[in-house]
Amino acid sequence: MTGKGVGVSNFNQHGIIEMGILSGSVSCAAIQVMSASGIPFPIVITDMTTGGTGTVIGPACHLVGEPGWERRGFPGINVYTFATPRMQISQGLRLAQ
């Protein structure tokens, strides 16, 4: 969220969220349990460089995969891919430094 990218309208609101989580952590176990239940779960990501005003919200996410190529690049990290039918993105306000 802090890169030099350009904001693009998300007309259909579908989205993909990828995140890396420490292998063997409680969070990894929770993701696997929630995925096995089949019930969609929310993901909220906050960009702290914007004072918490930059966010990505996926209110109904499903686990769709763990790409293998990322695992080789980040040992000890599990990279999870989630799909959501509705994704809301707010770039937030940049803090004066």
C-alpha atoms as a PDB file:
ATOM      1  CA  MET A   1       0.000   0.000   0.000  1.00  0.00           C
ATOM      2  CA  THR A   2       2.974   2.329   0.370  1.00  0.00           C
ATOM      3  CA  GLY A   3       4.316   1.749  -3.148  1.00  0.00           C
ATOM      4  CA  LYS A   4       4.192   4.024  -6.176  1.00  0.00           C
ATOM      5  CA  GLY A   5       1.130   2.241  -7.630  1.00  0.00           C
ATOM      6  CA  VAL A   6      -1.939   3.896  -9.072  1.00  0.00           C
ATOM      7  CA  GLY A   7      -5.435   3.418  -7.670  1.00  0.00           C
ATOM      8  CA  VAL A   8      -7.767   1.515  -9.989  1.00  0.00           C
ATOM      9  CA  SER A   9     -11.532   1.199  -9.657  1.00  0.00           C
ATOM     10  CA  ASN A  10     -12.668  -2.301  -8.761  1.00  0.00           C
ATOM     11  CA  PHE A  11     -15.929  -2.450 -10.729  1.00  0.00           C
ATOM     12  CA  ASN A  12     -16.892  -6.038  -9.898  1.00  0.00           C
ATOM     13  CA  GLN A  13     -15.464  -5.832  -6.339  1.00  0.00           C
ATOM     14  CA  HIS A  14     -13.896  -9.319  -6.560  1.00  0.00           C
ATOM     15  CA  GLY A  15     -10.390  -9.605  -5.210  1.00  0.00           C
ATOM     16  CA  ILE A  16      -7.434 -11.770  -4.260  1.00  0.00           C
ATOM     17  CA  ILE A  17      -5.501 -11.311  -1.018  1.00  0.00           C
ATOM     18  CA  GLU A  18      -2.126 -12.983  -0.472  1.00  0.00           C
ATOM     19  CA  MET A  19      -0.400 -12.958   2.877  1.00  0.00           C
ATOM     20  CA  GLY A  20       2.570 -14.663   4.471  1.00  0.00           C
ATOM     21  CA  ILE A  21       2.198 -16.112   7.966  1.00  0.00           C
ATOM     22  CA  LEU A  22       4.890 -17.663  10.151  1.00  0.00           C
ATOM     23  CA  SER A  23       4.888 -21.454   9.708  1.00  0.00           C
ATOM     24  CA  GLY A  24       3.613 -23.408  12.701  1.00  0.00           C
ATOM     25  CA  SER A  25       1.911 -20.390  14.259  1.00  0.00           C
ATOM     26  CA  VAL A  26      -1.542 -20.336  15.821  1.00  0.00           C
ATOM     27  CA  SER A  27      -2.684 -18.166  12.897  1.00  0.00           C
ATOM     28  CA  CYS A  28      -1.775 -20.919  10.400  1.00  0.00           C
ATOM     29  CA  ALA A  29      -3.770 -23.450  12.411  1.00  0.00           C
ATOM     30  CA  ALA A  30      -6.755 -21.072  12.643  1.00  0.00           C
ATOM     31  CA  ILE A  31      -6.736 -20.503   8.866  1.00  0.00           C
ATOM     32  CA  GLN A  32      -6.716 -24.251   8.214  1.00  0.00           C
ATOM     33  CA  VAL A  33      -9.594 -24.858  10.666  1.00  0.00           C
ATOM     34  CA  MET A  34     -11.686 -22.011   9.209  1.00  0.00           C
ATOM     35  CA  SER A  35     -10.975 -23.222   5.676  1.00  0.00           C
ATOM     36  CA  ALA A  36     -12.008 -26.787   6.565  1.00  0.00           C
ATOM     37  CA  SER A  37     -15.307 -25.492   7.995  1.00  0.00           C
ATOM     38  CA  GLY A  38     -16.216 -23.947   4.625  1.00  0.00           C
ATOM     39  CA  ILE A  39     -17.512 -20.792   6.321  1.00  0.00           C
ATOM     40  CA  PRO A  40     -16.141 -17.565   4.784  1.00  0.00           C
ATOM     41  CA  PHE A  41     -14.237 -15.338   7.177  1.00  0.00           C
ATOM     42  CA  PRO A  42     -13.219 -11.662   7.157  1.00  0.00           C
ATOM     43  CA  ILE A  43      -9.726 -10.321   6.567  1.00  0.00           C
ATOM     44  CA  VAL A  44      -8.857  -6.747   7.480  1.00  0.00           C
ATOM     45  CA  ILE A  45      -5.404  -5.319   6.694  1.00  0.00           C
ATOM     46  CA  THR A  46      -4.356  -1.938   8.056  1.00  0.00           C
ATOM     47  CA  ASP A  47      -1.466   0.196   6.770  1.00  0.00           C
ATOM     48  CA  MET A  48       0.094   1.751   9.857  1.00  0.00           C
ATOM     49  CA  THR A  49       2.133   4.264   7.802  1.00  0.00           C
ATOM     50  CA  THR A  50      -1.181   6.037   7.157  1.00  0.00           C
ATOM     51  CA  GLY A  51      -2.088   6.154  10.836  1.00  0.00           C
ATOM     52  CA  GLY A  52      -4.535   3.304  10.319  1.00  0.00           C
ATOM     53  CA  THR A  53      -6.553   5.068   7.607  1.00  0.00           C
ATOM     54  CA  GLY A  54      -5.298   2.860   4.746  1.00  0.00           C
ATOM     55  CA  THR A  55      -7.146  -0.467   4.774  1.00  0.00           C
ATOM     56  CA  VAL A  56      -8.050  -3.496   2.707  1.00  0.00           C
ATOM     57  CA  ILE A  57     -11.214  -5.331   3.769  1.00  0.00           C
ATOM     58  CA  GLY A  58     -12.357  -8.713   2.481  1.00  0.00           C
ATOM     59  CA  PRO A  59     -15.541  -9.470   4.445  1.00  0.00           C
ATOM     60  CA  ALA A  60     -16.100 -13.022   3.110  1.00  0.00           C
ATOM     61  CA  CYS A  61     -12.811 -14.745   2.201  1.00  0.00           C
ATOM     62  CA  HIS A  62     -12.174 -18.354   1.147  1.00  0.00           C
ATOM     63  CA  LEU A  63      -8.742 -20.004   1.077  1.00  0.00           C
ATOM     64  CA  VAL A  64      -7.968 -20.888  -2.554  1.00  0.00           C
ATOM     65  CA  GLY A  65      -4.326 -21.929  -2.437  1.00  0.00           C
ATOM     66  CA  GLU A  66      -0.792 -21.837  -1.207  1.00  0.00           C
ATOM     67  CA  PRO A  67       1.491 -20.932  -4.147  1.00  0.00           C
ATOM     68  CA  GLY A  68       4.646 -23.053  -4.128  1.00  0.00           C
ATOM     69  CA  TRP A  69       7.052 -20.529  -5.639  1.00  0.00           C
ATOM     70  CA  GLU A  70       6.648 -18.063  -2.754  1.00  0.00           C
ATOM     71  CA  ARG A  71       7.489 -20.746  -0.188  1.00  0.00           C
ATOM     72  CA  ARG A  72      10.932 -21.268  -1.695  1.00  0.00           C
ATOM     73  CA  GLY A  73      11.650 -17.542  -1.527  1.00  0.00           C
ATOM     74  CA  PHE A  74      10.534 -17.156   2.094  1.00  0.00           C
ATOM     75  CA  PRO A  75      11.578 -20.158   4.219  1.00  0.00           C
ATOM     76  CA  GLY A  76       9.565 -20.438   7.427  1.00  0.00           C
ATOM     77  CA  ILE A  77       6.634 -18.487   5.945  1.00  0.00           C
ATOM     78  CA  ASN A  78       3.412 -19.980   4.565  1.00  0.00           C
ATOM     79  CA  VAL A  79       1.923 -17.845   1.801  1.00  0.00           C
ATOM     80  CA  TYR A  80      -1.868 -18.130   1.647  1.00  0.00           C
ATOM     81  CA  THR A  81      -4.110 -16.943  -1.201  1.00  0.00           C
ATOM     82  CA  PHE A  82      -7.677 -15.914  -0.420  1.00  0.00           C
ATOM     83  CA  ALA A  83     -10.492 -14.989  -2.809  1.00  0.00           C
ATOM     84  CA  THR A  84     -13.306 -12.655  -1.815  1.00  0.00           C
ATOM     85  CA  PRO A  85     -16.448 -11.620  -3.717  1.00  0.00           C
ATOM     86  CA  ARG A  86     -16.280  -8.122  -2.206  1.00  0.00           C
ATOM     87  CA  MET A  87     -13.069  -6.212  -1.562  1.00  0.00           C
ATOM     88  CA  GLN A  88     -12.962  -2.677  -0.254  1.00  0.00           C
ATOM     89  CA  ILE A  89      -9.722  -0.705  -0.515  1.00  0.00           C
ATOM     90  CA  SER A  90      -8.993   2.665   1.054  1.00  0.00           C
ATOM     91  CA  GLN A  91      -5.589   4.209   0.294  1.00  0.00           C
ATOM     92  CA  GLY A  92      -5.808   6.357   3.404  1.00  0.00           C
ATOM     93  CA  LEU A  93      -4.094   9.600   4.265  1.00  0.00           C
ATOM     94  CA  ARG A  94      -0.315   9.981   4.380  1.00  0.00           C
ATOM     95  CA  LEU A  95       1.039  11.297   7.656  1.00  0.00           C
ATOM     96  CA  ALA A  96       3.295  14.370   7.567  1.00  0.00           C
ATOM     97  CA  GLN A  97       6.784  13.481   8.775  1.00  0.00           C
END
